């Protein structure tokens, strides 16, 4: 079993920055890609950024150029550096990790989420 614990969320003004962290514990040796998703009230959960075990990254168009995802394999932690924050970025941010692949697809793990609120 894998546990994901997020930290770093909070309240910031527009134009400010936050750094989210997601620490993985448990059976982490099977983890492959990790990422961040977010969900605003009344909206679906959307991809923010992903990073593979080799360091390849992908970003949603809405955060491209403002957010940076990184990974510290020694600490089993993935980060999301968020700069130039906008009120539209307000959401609950969820850490995600892909584990072993089964006959039914990859095993996906989720953190409990951390609230990010950006004021005008």
PDB file of N, CA and C in Angstrom:
ATOM      1  N   UNK A   1       0.833  -1.183   0.000  1.00  0.00           N
ATOM      2  CA  UNK A   1       0.000   0.000   0.000  1.00  0.00           C
ATOM      3  C   UNK A   1       0.876   1.244   0.000  1.00  0.00           C
ATOM      4  N   UNK A   2       0.416   2.276  -0.703  1.00  0.00           N
ATOM      5  CA  UNK A   2       1.129   3.537  -0.803  1.00  0.00           C
ATOM      6  C   UNK A   2       0.274   4.635  -0.188  1.00  0.00           C
ATOM      7  N   UNK A   3       0.906   5.486   0.599  1.00  0.00           N
ATOM      8  CA  UNK A   3       0.241   6.647   1.166  1.00  0.00           C
ATOM      9  C   UNK A   3       0.884   7.910   0.610  1.00  0.00           C
ATOM     10  N   UNK A   4       0.053   8.879   0.240  1.00  0.00           N
ATOM     11  CA  UNK A   4       0.512  10.154  -0.276  1.00  0.00           C
ATOM     12  C   UNK A   4       0.005  11.252   0.645  1.00  0.00           C
ATOM     13  N   UNK A   5       0.902  12.100   1.102  1.00  0.00           N
ATOM     14  CA  UNK A   5       0.551  13.173   2.016  1.00  0.00           C
ATOM     15  C   UNK A   5       1.003  14.496   1.426  1.00  0.00           C
ATOM     16  N   UNK A   6       0.043  15.384   1.165  1.00  0.00           N
ATOM     17  CA  UNK A   6       0.340  16.693   0.603  1.00  0.00           C
ATOM     18  C   UNK A   6       0.554  17.720   1.707  1.00  0.00           C
ATOM     19  N   UNK A   7       1.310  18.751   1.373  1.00  0.00           N
ATOM     20  CA  UNK A   7       1.507  19.879   2.266  1.00  0.00           C
ATOM     21  C   UNK A   7       1.852  21.104   1.432  1.00  0.00           C
ATOM     22  N   UNK A   8       1.729  22.270   2.024  1.00  0.00           N
ATOM     23  CA  UNK A   8       2.130  23.500   1.371  1.00  0.00           C
ATOM     24  C   UNK A   8       1.008  24.370   0.868  1.00  0.00           C
ATOM     25  N   UNK A   9      -0.224  23.893   0.939  1.00  0.00           N
ATOM     26  CA  UNK A   9      -1.345  24.703   0.506  1.00  0.00           C
ATOM     27  C   UNK A   9      -1.594  25.859   1.466  1.00  0.00           C
ATOM     28  N   UNK A  10      -2.405  26.798   1.009  1.00  0.00           N
ATOM     29  CA  UNK A  10      -2.716  27.940   1.845  1.00  0.00           C
ATOM     30  C   UNK A  10      -3.364  29.048   1.069  1.00  0.00           C
ATOM     31  N   UNK A  11      -3.371  30.228   1.664  1.00  0.00           N
ATOM     32  CA  UNK A  11      -3.975  31.420   1.083  1.00  0.00           C
ATOM     33  C   UNK A  11      -2.883  32.381   0.653  1.00  0.00           C
ATOM     34  N   UNK A  12      -2.933  32.800  -0.601  1.00  0.00           N
ATOM     35  CA  UNK A  12      -1.967  33.760  -1.128  1.00  0.00           C
ATOM     36  C   UNK A  12      -2.696  34.791  -1.973  1.00  0.00           C
ATOM     37  N   UNK A  13      -2.050  35.927  -2.178  1.00  0.00           N
ATOM     38  CA  UNK A  13      -2.582  36.950  -3.055  1.00  0.00           C
ATOM     39  C   UNK A  13      -2.237  36.648  -4.503  1.00  0.00           C
ATOM     40  N   UNK A  14      -3.043  37.170  -5.410  1.00  0.00           N
ATOM     41  CA  UNK A  14      -2.754  37.017  -6.827  1.00  0.00           C
ATOM     42  C   UNK A  14      -1.351  37.522  -7.133  1.00  0.00           C
ATOM     43  N   UNK A  15      -0.633  36.756  -7.943  1.00  0.00           N
ATOM     44  CA  UNK A  15       0.739  37.085  -8.267  1.00  0.00           C
ATOM     45  C   UNK A  15       1.757  36.450  -7.349  1.00  0.00           C
ATOM     46  N   UNK A  16       1.293  35.865  -6.267  1.00  0.00           N
ATOM     47  CA  UNK A  16       2.183  35.227  -5.317  1.00  0.00           C
ATOM     48  C   UNK A  16       2.555  33.820  -5.720  1.00  0.00           C
ATOM     49  N   UNK A  17       3.264  33.146  -4.817  1.00  0.00           N
ATOM     50  CA  UNK A  17       3.769  31.809  -5.098  1.00  0.00           C
ATOM     51  C   UNK A  17       3.500  30.865  -3.938  1.00  0.00           C
ATOM     52  N   UNK A  18       3.366  29.598  -4.260  1.00  0.00           N
ATOM     53  CA  UNK A  18       3.273  28.523  -3.290  1.00  0.00           C
ATOM     54  C   UNK A  18       4.045  27.326  -3.813  1.00  0.00           C
ATOM     55  N   UNK A  19       4.542  26.523  -2.892  1.00  0.00           N
ATOM     56  CA  UNK A  19       5.202  25.285  -3.253  1.00  0.00           C
ATOM     57  C   UNK A  19       4.516  24.130  -2.541  1.00  0.00           C
ATOM     58  N   UNK A  20       3.908  23.256  -3.314  1.00  0.00           N
ATOM     59  CA  UNK A  20       3.253  22.085  -2.768  1.00  0.00           C
ATOM     60  C   UNK A  20       4.221  20.907  -2.742  1.00  0.00           C
ATOM     61  N   UNK A  21       4.102  20.094  -1.711  1.00  0.00           N
ATOM     62  CA  UNK A  21       4.913  18.897  -1.587  1.00  0.00           C
ATOM     63  C   UNK A  21       4.011  17.696  -1.399  1.00  0.00           C
ATOM     64  N   UNK A  22       4.427  16.564  -1.918  1.00  0.00           N
ATOM     65  CA  UNK A  22       3.714  15.312  -1.756  1.00  0.00           C
ATOM     66  C   UNK A  22       4.722  14.230  -1.424  1.00  0.00           C
ATOM     67  N   UNK A  23       4.665  13.731  -0.204  1.00  0.00           N
ATOM     68  CA  UNK A  23       5.583  12.695   0.253  1.00  0.00           C
ATOM     69  C   UNK A  23       4.906  11.337   0.174  1.00  0.00           C
ATOM     70  N   UNK A  24       5.569  10.393  -0.452  1.00  0.00           N
ATOM     71  CA  UNK A  24       5.050   9.042  -0.603  1.00  0.00           C
ATOM     72  C   UNK A  24       5.714   8.108   0.396  1.00  0.00           C
ATOM     73  N   UNK A  25       4.921   7.204   0.945  1.00  0.00           N
ATOM     74  CA  UNK A  25       5.442   6.195   1.856  1.00  0.00           C
ATOM     75  C   UNK A  25       4.730   4.879   1.592  1.00  0.00           C
ATOM     76  N   UNK A  26       5.291   3.794   2.112  1.00  0.00           N
ATOM     77  CA  UNK A  26       4.732   2.475   1.891  1.00  0.00           C
ATOM     78  C   UNK A  26       5.502   1.736   0.817  1.00  0.00           C
ATOM     79  N   UNK A  27       4.781   1.027  -0.033  1.00  0.00           N
ATOM     80  CA  UNK A  27       5.390   0.238  -1.102  1.00  0.00           C
ATOM     81  C   UNK A  27       5.697   1.125  -2.293  1.00  0.00           C
ATOM     82  N   UNK A  28       6.662   2.010  -2.119  1.00  0.00           N
ATOM     83  CA  UNK A  28       6.925   3.036  -3.119  1.00  0.00           C
ATOM     84  C   UNK A  28       7.833   2.573  -4.247  1.00  0.00           C
ATOM     85  N   UNK A  29       8.410   1.388  -4.135  1.00  0.00           N
ATOM     86  CA  UNK A  29       9.367   0.954  -5.140  1.00  0.00           C
ATOM     87  C   UNK A  29       8.722   0.688  -6.486  1.00  0.00           C
ATOM     88  N   UNK A  30       7.409   0.589  -6.532  1.00  0.00           N
ATOM     89  CA  UNK A  30       6.698   0.342  -7.788  1.00  0.00           C
ATOM     90  C   UNK A  30       6.128   1.616  -8.409  1.00  0.00           C
ATOM     91  N   UNK A  31       6.349   2.758  -7.801  1.00  0.00           N
ATOM     92  CA  UNK A  31       5.793   3.996  -8.327  1.00  0.00           C
ATOM     93  C   UNK A  31       6.468   4.399  -9.624  1.00  0.00           C
ATOM     94  N   UNK A  32       5.685   4.836 -10.561  1.00  0.00           N
ATOM     95  CA  UNK A  32       6.189   5.305 -11.844  1.00  0.00           C
ATOM     96  C   UNK A  32       5.928   6.806 -11.968  1.00  0.00           C
ATOM     97  N   UNK A  33       4.952   7.186 -12.779  1.00  0.00           N
ATOM     98  CA  UNK A  33       4.642   8.596 -12.918  1.00  0.00           C
ATOM     99  C   UNK A  33       3.941   9.131 -11.671  1.00  0.00           C
ATOM    100  N   UNK A  34       4.181  10.390 -11.371  1.00  0.00           N
ATOM    101  CA  UNK A  34       3.479  11.092 -10.309  1.00  0.00           C
ATOM    102  C   UNK A  34       2.967  12.405 -10.875  1.00  0.00           C
ATOM    103  N   UNK A  35       1.986  12.968 -10.219  1.00  0.00           N
ATOM    104  CA  UNK A  35       1.437  14.204 -10.746  1.00  0.00           C
ATOM    105  C   UNK A  35       0.567  14.944  -9.765  1.00  0.00           C
ATOM    106  N   UNK A  36       0.075  16.060 -10.244  1.00  0.00           N
ATOM    107  CA  UNK A  36      -0.838  16.897  -9.485  1.00  0.00           C
ATOM    108  C   UNK A  36      -2.101  17.134 -10.296  1.00  0.00           C
ATOM    109  N   UNK A  37      -3.238  17.039  -9.635  1.00  0.00           N
ATOM    110  CA  UNK A  37      -4.535  17.362 -10.195  1.00  0.00           C
ATOM    111  C   UNK A  37      -5.194  18.393  -9.292  1.00  0.00           C
ATOM    112  N   UNK A  38      -6.214  19.051  -9.811  1.00  0.00           N
ATOM    113  CA  UNK A  38      -6.932  20.013  -8.989  1.00  0.00           C
ATOM    114  C   UNK A  38      -8.416  19.964  -9.320  1.00  0.00           C
ATOM    115  N   UNK A  39      -9.219  20.340  -8.341  1.00  0.00           N
ATOM    116  CA  UNK A  39     -10.659  20.349  -8.501  1.00  0.00           C
ATOM    117  C   UNK A  39     -11.245  21.570  -7.810  1.00  0.00           C
ATOM    118  N   UNK A  40     -11.857  22.432  -8.590  1.00  0.00           N
ATOM    119  CA  UNK A  40     -12.547  23.597  -8.067  1.00  0.00           C
ATOM    120  C   UNK A  40     -13.999  23.229  -7.775  1.00  0.00           C
ATOM    121  N   UNK A  41     -14.675  23.981  -6.898  1.00  0.00           N
ATOM    122  CA  UNK A  41     -16.073  23.674  -6.585  1.00  0.00           C
ATOM    123  C   UNK A  41     -16.939  23.629  -7.828  1.00  0.00           C
ATOM    124  N   UNK A  42     -17.713  22.566  -7.962  1.00  0.00           N
ATOM    125  CA  UNK A  42     -18.613  22.418  -9.087  1.00  0.00           C
ATOM    126  C   UNK A  42     -17.967  22.010 -10.388  1.00  0.00           C
ATOM    127  N   UNK A  43     -16.683  21.710 -10.375  1.00  0.00           N
ATOM    128  CA  UNK A  43     -15.979  21.341 -11.584  1.00  0.00           C
ATOM    129  C   UNK A  43     -15.334  19.969 -11.430  1.00  0.00           C
ATOM    130  N   UNK A  44     -14.938  19.398 -12.549  1.00  0.00           N
ATOM    131  CA  UNK A  44     -14.290  18.100 -12.539  1.00  0.00           C
ATOM    132  C   UNK A  44     -12.841  18.226 -12.103  1.00  0.00           C
ATOM    133  N   UNK A  45     -12.262  17.097 -11.728  1.00  0.00           N
ATOM    134  CA  UNK A  45     -10.860  17.063 -11.353  1.00  0.00           C
ATOM    135  C   UNK A  45     -10.010  17.035 -12.618  1.00  0.00           C
ATOM    136  N   UNK A  46      -9.124  18.004 -12.763  1.00  0.00           N
ATOM    137  CA  UNK A  46      -8.331  18.160 -13.970  1.00  0.00           C
ATOM    138  C   UNK A  46      -6.848  17.977 -13.699  1.00  0.00           C
ATOM    139  N   UNK A  47      -6.164  17.523 -14.720  1.00  0.00           N
ATOM    140  CA  UNK A  47      -4.714  17.386 -14.654  1.00  0.00           C
ATOM    141  C   UNK A  47      -4.048  18.749 -14.583  1.00  0.00           C
ATOM    142  N   UNK A  48      -3.066  18.884 -13.708  1.00  0.00           N
ATOM    143  CA  UNK A  48      -2.247  20.080 -13.628  1.00  0.00           C
ATOM    144  C   UNK A  48      -0.876  19.816 -14.239  1.00  0.00           C
ATOM    145  N   UNK A  49      -0.201  18.785 -13.749  1.00  0.00           N
ATOM    146  CA  UNK A  49       1.135  18.451 -14.237  1.00  0.00           C
ATOM    147  C   UNK A  49       1.473  17.022 -13.859  1.00  0.00           C
ATOM    148  N   UNK A  50       2.308  16.391 -14.666  1.00  0.00           N
ATOM    149  CA  UNK A  50       2.789  15.046 -14.376  1.00  0.00           C
ATOM    150  C   UNK A  50       4.292  14.990 -14.590  1.00  0.00           C
ATOM    151  N   UNK A  51       4.912  14.018 -13.944  1.00  0.00           N
ATOM    152  CA  UNK A  51       6.342  13.790 -14.123  1.00  0.00           C
ATOM    153  C   UNK A  51       6.596  12.296 -14.041  1.00  0.00           C
ATOM    154  N   UNK A  52       7.366  11.781 -14.977  1.00  0.00           N
ATOM    155  CA  UNK A  52       7.692  10.363 -15.000  1.00  0.00           C
ATOM    156  C   UNK A  52       8.878  10.085 -14.092  1.00  0.00           C
ATOM    157  N   UNK A  53       9.151   8.807 -13.900  1.00  0.00           N
ATOM    158  CA  UNK A  53      10.300   8.432 -13.088  1.00  0.00           C
ATOM    159  C   UNK A  53      11.610   8.899 -13.703  1.00  0.00           C
ATOM    160  N   UNK A  54      11.613   9.099 -15.022  1.00  0.00           N
ATOM    161  CA  UNK A  54      12.794   9.586 -15.713  1.00  0.00           C
ATOM    162  C   UNK A  54      12.904  11.093 -15.770  1.00  0.00           C
ATOM    163  N   UNK A  55      11.884  11.808 -15.290  1.00  0.00           N
ATOM    164  CA  UNK A  55      11.949  13.251 -15.231  1.00  0.00           C
ATOM    165  C   UNK A  55      11.220  13.991 -16.334  1.00  0.00           C
ATOM    166  N   UNK A  56      10.566  13.284 -17.246  1.00  0.00           N
ATOM    167  CA  UNK A  56       9.797  13.951 -18.292  1.00  0.00           C
ATOM    168  C   UNK A  56       8.542  14.568 -17.695  1.00  0.00           C
ATOM    169  N   UNK A  57       8.208  15.775 -18.131  1.00  0.00           N
ATOM    170  CA  UNK A  57       7.084  16.515 -17.550  1.00  0.00           C
ATOM    171  C   UNK A  57       6.046  16.864 -18.595  1.00  0.00           C
ATOM    172  N   UNK A  58       4.832  17.108 -18.114  1.00  0.00           N
ATOM    173  CA  UNK A  58       3.729  17.538 -18.952  1.00  0.00           C
ATOM    174  C   UNK A  58       2.860  18.466 -18.123  1.00  0.00           C
ATOM    175  N   UNK A  59       2.310  19.508 -18.759  1.00  0.00           N
ATOM    176  CA  UNK A  59       1.541  20.519 -18.048  1.00  0.00           C
ATOM    177  C   UNK A  59       0.240  20.814 -18.769  1.00  0.00           C
ATOM    178  N   UNK A  60      -0.764  21.171 -17.985  1.00  0.00           N
ATOM    179  CA  UNK A  60      -1.983  21.695 -18.560  1.00  0.00           C
ATOM    180  C   UNK A  60      -1.709  23.063 -19.179  1.00  0.00           C
ATOM    181  N   UNK A  61      -2.432  23.384 -20.244  1.00  0.00           N
ATOM    182  CA  UNK A  61      -2.219  24.659 -20.916  1.00  0.00           C
ATOM    183  C   UNK A  61      -2.411  25.848 -19.970  1.00  0.00           C
ATOM    184  N   UNK A  62      -3.315  25.717 -19.024  1.00  0.00           N
ATOM    185  CA  UNK A  62      -3.646  26.818 -18.136  1.00  0.00           C
ATOM    186  C   UNK A  62      -2.530  27.168 -17.156  1.00  0.00           C
ATOM    187  N   UNK A  63      -1.584  26.256 -16.942  1.00  0.00           N
ATOM    188  CA  UNK A  63      -0.508  26.509 -15.990  1.00  0.00           C
ATOM    189  C   UNK A  63       0.857  26.526 -16.649  1.00  0.00           C
ATOM    190  N   UNK A  64       0.920  26.253 -17.928  1.00  0.00           N
ATOM    191  CA  UNK A  64       2.192  26.221 -18.651  1.00  0.00           C
ATOM    192  C   UNK A  64       2.915  27.546 -18.496  1.00  0.00           C
ATOM    193  N   UNK A  65       4.174  27.475 -18.111  1.00  0.00           N
ATOM    194  CA  UNK A  65       4.979  28.664 -17.932  1.00  0.00           C
ATOM    195  C   UNK A  65       4.905  29.278 -16.555  1.00  0.00           C
ATOM    196  N   UNK A  66       3.947  28.853 -15.739  1.00  0.00           N
ATOM    197  CA  UNK A  66       3.800  29.382 -14.389  1.00  0.00           C
ATOM    198  C   UNK A  66       4.117  28.343 -13.318  1.00  0.00           C
ATOM    199  N   UNK A  67       3.760  27.095 -13.576  1.00  0.00           N
ATOM    200  CA  UNK A  67       3.973  26.015 -12.616  1.00  0.00           C
ATOM    201  C   UNK A  67       5.129  25.135 -13.066  1.00  0.00           C
ATOM    202  N   UNK A  68       5.830  24.567 -12.093  1.00  0.00           N
ATOM    203  CA  UNK A  68       6.912  23.636 -12.374  1.00  0.00           C
ATOM    204  C   UNK A  68       6.790  22.427 -11.461  1.00  0.00           C
ATOM    205  N   UNK A  69       6.740  21.242 -12.050  1.00  0.00           N
ATOM    206  CA  UNK A  69       6.707  20.021 -11.277  1.00  0.00           C
ATOM    207  C   UNK A  69       8.114  19.441 -11.221  1.00  0.00           C
ATOM    208  N   UNK A  70       8.484  18.909 -10.082  1.00  0.00           N
ATOM    209  CA  UNK A  70       9.794  18.295  -9.919  1.00  0.00           C
ATOM    210  C   UNK A  70       9.671  17.099  -8.993  1.00  0.00           C
ATOM    211  N   UNK A  71      10.736  16.318  -8.943  1.00  0.00           N
ATOM    212  CA  UNK A  71      10.689  15.063  -8.195  1.00  0.00           C
ATOM    213  C   UNK A  71      12.033  14.808  -7.543  1.00  0.00           C
ATOM    214  N   UNK A  72      11.993  14.437  -6.280  1.00  0.00           N
ATOM    215  CA  UNK A  72      13.183  14.068  -5.535  1.00  0.00           C
ATOM    216  C   UNK A  72      13.021  12.598  -5.158  1.00  0.00           C
ATOM    217  N   UNK A  73      13.616  11.730  -5.939  1.00  0.00           N
ATOM    218  CA  UNK A  73      13.444  10.298  -5.709  1.00  0.00           C
ATOM    219  C   UNK A  73      14.061   9.838  -4.387  1.00  0.00           C
ATOM    220  N   UNK A  74      15.130  10.495  -3.956  1.00  0.00           N
ATOM    221  CA  UNK A  74      15.757  10.130  -2.692  1.00  0.00           C
ATOM    222  C   UNK A  74      14.818  10.370  -1.520  1.00  0.00           C
ATOM    223  N   UNK A  75      13.990  11.404  -1.621  1.00  0.00           N
ATOM    224  CA  UNK A  75      13.038  11.729  -0.565  1.00  0.00           C
ATOM    225  C   UNK A  75      11.644  11.190  -0.852  1.00  0.00           C
ATOM    226  N   UNK A  76      11.484  10.525  -1.997  1.00  0.00           N
ATOM    227  CA  UNK A  76      10.180  10.004  -2.406  1.00  0.00           C
ATOM    228  C   UNK A  76       9.117  11.098  -2.378  1.00  0.00           C
ATOM    229  N   UNK A  77       9.467  12.239  -2.923  1.00  0.00           N
ATOM    230  CA  UNK A  77       8.618  13.415  -2.852  1.00  0.00           C
ATOM    231  C   UNK A  77       8.518  14.085  -4.215  1.00  0.00           C
ATOM    232  N   UNK A  78       7.321  14.541  -4.547  1.00  0.00           N
ATOM    233  CA  UNK A  78       7.094  15.323  -5.744  1.00  0.00           C
ATOM    234  C   UNK A  78       6.649  16.717  -5.318  1.00  0.00           C
ATOM    235  N   UNK A  79       7.079  17.728  -6.064  1.00  0.00           N
ATOM    236  CA  UNK A  79       6.791  19.108  -5.726  1.00  0.00           C
ATOM    237  C   UNK A  79       6.051  19.779  -6.870  1.00  0.00           C
ATOM    238  N   UNK A  80       5.316  20.814  -6.529  1.00  0.00           N
ATOM    239  CA  UNK A  80       4.699  21.675  -7.516  1.00  0.00           C
ATOM    240  C   UNK A  80       4.971  23.119  -7.113  1.00  0.00           C
ATOM    241  N   UNK A  81       5.873  23.761  -7.834  1.00  0.00           N
ATOM    242  CA  UNK A  81       6.154  25.171  -7.612  1.00  0.00           C
ATOM    243  C   UNK A  81       5.177  25.985  -8.433  1.00  0.00           C
ATOM    244  N   UNK A  82       4.387  26.809  -7.771  1.00  0.00           N
ATOM    245  CA  UNK A  82       3.348  27.591  -8.419  1.00  0.00           C
ATOM    246  C   UNK A  82       3.690  29.070  -8.295  1.00  0.00           C
ATOM    247  N   UNK A  83       3.947  29.701  -9.425  1.00  0.00           N
ATOM    248  CA  UNK A  83       4.267  31.116  -9.475  1.00  0.00           C
ATOM    249  C   UNK A  83       3.189  31.871 -10.236  1.00  0.00           C
ATOM    250  N   UNK A  84       3.172  33.184 -10.056  1.00  0.00           N
ATOM    251  CA  UNK A  84       2.208  34.040 -10.737  1.00  0.00           C
ATOM    252  C   UNK A  84       0.789  33.512 -10.588  1.00  0.00           C
ATOM    253  N   UNK A  85       0.427  33.189  -9.374  1.00  0.00           N
ATOM    254  CA  UNK A  85      -0.870  32.576  -9.112  1.00  0.00           C
ATOM    255  C   UNK A  85      -2.012  33.528  -9.442  1.00  0.00           C
ATOM    256  N   UNK A  86      -3.088  32.947  -9.946  1.00  0.00           N
ATOM    257  CA  UNK A  86      -4.285  33.676 -10.319  1.00  0.00           C
ATOM    258  C   UNK A  86      -5.466  33.163  -9.496  1.00  0.00           C
ATOM    259  N   UNK A  87      -6.502  33.981  -9.330  1.00  0.00           N
ATOM    260  CA  UNK A  87      -7.692  33.498  -8.623  1.00  0.00           C
ATOM    261  C   UNK A  87      -8.274  32.228  -9.249  1.00  0.00           C
ATOM    262  N   UNK A  88      -8.127  32.070 -10.547  1.00  0.00           N
ATOM    263  CA  UNK A  88      -8.620  30.881 -11.230  1.00  0.00           C
ATOM    264  C   UNK A  88      -7.893  29.612 -10.810  1.00  0.00           C
ATOM    265  N   UNK A  89      -6.746  29.744 -10.153  1.00  0.00           N
ATOM    266  CA  UNK A  89      -6.009  28.589  -9.666  1.00  0.00           C
ATOM    267  C   UNK A  89      -6.569  28.043  -8.357  1.00  0.00           C
ATOM    268  N   UNK A  90      -7.510  28.746  -7.762  1.00  0.00           N
ATOM    269  CA  UNK A  90      -8.106  28.300  -6.507  1.00  0.00           C
ATOM    270  C   UNK A  90      -8.781  26.954  -6.692  1.00  0.00           C
ATOM    271  N   UNK A  91      -8.377  25.980  -5.883  1.00  0.00           N
ATOM    272  CA  UNK A  91      -8.896  24.621  -5.992  1.00  0.00           C
ATOM    273  C   UNK A  91      -8.286  23.769  -4.894  1.00  0.00           C
ATOM    274  N   UNK A  92      -8.808  22.568  -4.760  1.00  0.00           N
ATOM    275  CA  UNK A  92      -8.151  21.552  -3.956  1.00  0.00           C
ATOM    276  C   UNK A  92      -7.179  20.815  -4.862  1.00  0.00           C
ATOM    277  N   UNK A  93      -5.939  20.753  -4.465  1.00  0.00           N
ATOM    278  CA  UNK A  93      -4.902  20.107  -5.252  1.00  0.00           C
ATOM    279  C   UNK A  93      -4.613  18.728  -4.693  1.00  0.00           C
ATOM    280  N   UNK A  94      -4.620  17.741  -5.579  1.00  0.00           N
ATOM    281  CA  UNK A  94      -4.442  16.347  -5.193  1.00  0.00           C
ATOM    282  C   UNK A  94      -3.168  15.777  -5.793  1.00  0.00           C
ATOM    283  N   UNK A  95      -2.400  15.109  -4.978  1.00  0.00           N
ATOM    284  CA  UNK A  95      -1.238  14.374  -5.444  1.00  0.00           C
ATOM    285  C   UNK A  95      -1.684  13.027  -5.991  1.00  0.00           C
ATOM    286  N   UNK A  96      -1.014  12.569  -7.022  1.00  0.00           N
ATOM    287  CA  UNK A  96      -1.361  11.335  -7.703  1.00  0.00           C
ATOM    288  C   UNK A  96      -0.092  10.551  -7.997  1.00  0.00           C
ATOM    289  N   UNK A  97      -0.191   9.228  -7.899  1.00  0.00           N
ATOM    290  CA  UNK A  97       0.948   8.373  -8.219  1.00  0.00           C
ATOM    291  C   UNK A  97       0.459   7.111  -8.896  1.00  0.00           C
ATOM    292  N   UNK A  98       1.198   6.677  -9.896  1.00  0.00           N
ATOM    293  CA  UNK A  98       0.901   5.446 -10.610  1.00  0.00           C
ATOM    294  C   UNK A  98       1.774   4.326 -10.063  1.00  0.00           C
ATOM    295  N   UNK A  99       1.136   3.257  -9.627  1.00  0.00           N
ATOM    296  CA  UNK A  99       1.862   2.111  -9.114  1.00  0.00           C
ATOM    297  C   UNK A  99       1.979   1.007 -10.145  1.00  0.00           C
ATOM    298  N   UNK A 100       1.942  -0.219  -9.659  1.00  0.00           N
ATOM    299  CA  UNK A 100       2.097  -1.368 -10.542  1.00  0.00           C
ATOM    300  C   UNK A 100       0.926  -1.499 -11.511  1.00  0.00           C
ATOM    301  N   UNK A 101       1.191  -2.100 -12.653  1.00  0.00           N
ATOM    302  CA  UNK A 101       0.167  -2.322 -13.657  1.00  0.00           C
ATOM    303  C   UNK A 101      -0.447  -3.703 -13.466  1.00  0.00           C
ATOM    304  N   UNK A 102      -1.757  -3.760 -13.417  1.00  0.00           N
ATOM    305  CA  UNK A 102      -2.494  -5.008 -13.280  1.00  0.00           C
ATOM    306  C   UNK A 102      -3.233  -5.302 -14.575  1.00  0.00           C
ATOM    307  N   UNK A 103      -3.969  -6.422 -14.585  1.00  0.00           N
ATOM    308  CA  UNK A 103      -4.776  -6.767 -15.753  1.00  0.00           C
ATOM    309  C   UNK A 103      -5.883  -5.751 -15.994  1.00  0.00           C
ATOM    310  N   UNK A 104      -6.214  -4.982 -14.971  1.00  0.00           N
ATOM    311  CA  UNK A 104      -7.274  -3.983 -15.080  1.00  0.00           C
ATOM    312  C   UNK A 104      -6.726  -2.574 -15.248  1.00  0.00           C
ATOM    313  N   UNK A 105      -5.448  -2.454 -15.490  1.00  0.00           N
ATOM    314  CA  UNK A 105      -4.819  -1.168 -15.657  1.00  0.00           C
ATOM    315  C   UNK A 105      -3.907  -0.855 -14.484  1.00  0.00           C
ATOM    316  N   UNK A 106      -3.263   0.305 -14.529  1.00  0.00           N
ATOM    317  CA  UNK A 106      -2.347   0.665 -13.444  1.00  0.00           C
ATOM    318  C   UNK A 106      -3.087   0.969 -12.151  1.00  0.00           C
ATOM    319  N   UNK A 107      -2.433   0.679 -11.038  1.00  0.00           N
ATOM    320  CA  UNK A 107      -2.973   1.022  -9.732  1.00  0.00           C
ATOM    321  C   UNK A 107      -2.660   2.484  -9.471  1.00  0.00           C
ATOM    322  N   UNK A 108      -3.690   3.263  -9.172  1.00  0.00           N
ATOM    323  CA  UNK A 108      -3.555   4.701  -8.976  1.00  0.00           C
ATOM    324  C   UNK A 108      -3.780   5.044  -7.510  1.00  0.00           C
ATOM    325  N   UNK A 109      -2.902   5.868  -6.961  1.00  0.00           N
ATOM    326  CA  UNK A 109      -3.006   6.324  -5.585  1.00  0.00           C
ATOM    327  C   UNK A 109      -3.269   7.826  -5.555  1.00  0.00           C
ATOM    328  N   UNK A 110      -4.035   8.252  -4.569  1.00  0.00           N
ATOM    329  CA  UNK A 110      -4.388   9.663  -4.409  1.00  0.00           C
ATOM    330  C   UNK A 110      -4.123  10.121  -2.983  1.00  0.00           C
ATOM    331  N   UNK A 111      -3.662  11.360  -2.854  1.00  0.00           N
ATOM    332  CA  UNK A 111      -3.602  11.985  -1.552  1.00  0.00           C
ATOM    333  C   UNK A 111      -4.964  12.537  -1.163  1.00  0.00           C
ATOM    334  N   UNK A 112      -5.048  13.106   0.024  1.00  0.00           N
ATOM    335  CA  UNK A 112      -6.318  13.632   0.521  1.00  0.00           C
ATOM    336  C   UNK A 112      -6.614  15.035   0.021  1.00  0.00           C
ATOM    337  N   UNK A 113      -5.641  15.690  -0.562  1.00  0.00           N
ATOM    338  CA  UNK A 113      -5.838  17.013  -1.117  1.00  0.00           C
ATOM    339  C   UNK A 113      -5.402  18.118  -0.175  1.00  0.00           C
ATOM    340  N   UNK A 114      -4.999  19.229  -0.756  1.00  0.00           N
ATOM    341  CA  UNK A 114      -4.641  20.410   0.010  1.00  0.00           C
ATOM    342  C   UNK A 114      -5.249  21.629  -0.673  1.00  0.00           C
ATOM    343  N   UNK A 115      -5.841  22.505   0.121  1.00  0.00           N
ATOM    344  CA  UNK A 115      -6.557  23.662  -0.408  1.00  0.00           C
ATOM    345  C   UNK A 115      -5.590  24.770  -0.780  1.00  0.00           C
ATOM    346  N   UNK A 116      -5.754  25.287  -1.983  1.00  0.00           N
ATOM    347  CA  UNK A 116      -5.027  26.467  -2.442  1.00  0.00           C
ATOM    348  C   UNK A 116      -6.047  27.541  -2.767  1.00  0.00           C
ATOM    349  N   UNK A 117      -5.934  28.681  -2.122  1.00  0.00           N
ATOM    350  CA  UNK A 117      -6.845  29.792  -2.350  1.00  0.00           C
ATOM    351  C   UNK A 117      -6.042  31.022  -2.745  1.00  0.00           C
ATOM    352  N   UNK A 118      -6.397  31.606  -3.880  1.00  0.00           N
ATOM    353  CA  UNK A 118      -5.712  32.785  -4.395  1.00  0.00           C
ATOM    354  C   UNK A 118      -6.696  33.943  -4.389  1.00  0.00           C
ATOM    355  N   UNK A 119      -6.398  34.967  -3.630  1.00  0.00           N
ATOM    356  CA  UNK A 119      -7.272  36.123  -3.523  1.00  0.00           C
ATOM    357  C   UNK A 119      -6.932  37.155  -4.590  1.00  0.00           C
ATOM    358  N   UNK A 120      -7.925  37.977  -4.945  1.00  0.00           N
ATOM    359  CA  UNK A 120      -7.735  39.003  -5.955  1.00  0.00           C
ATOM    360  C   UNK A 120      -6.930  40.166  -5.410  1.00  0.00           C
TER     361      UNK A 120
END
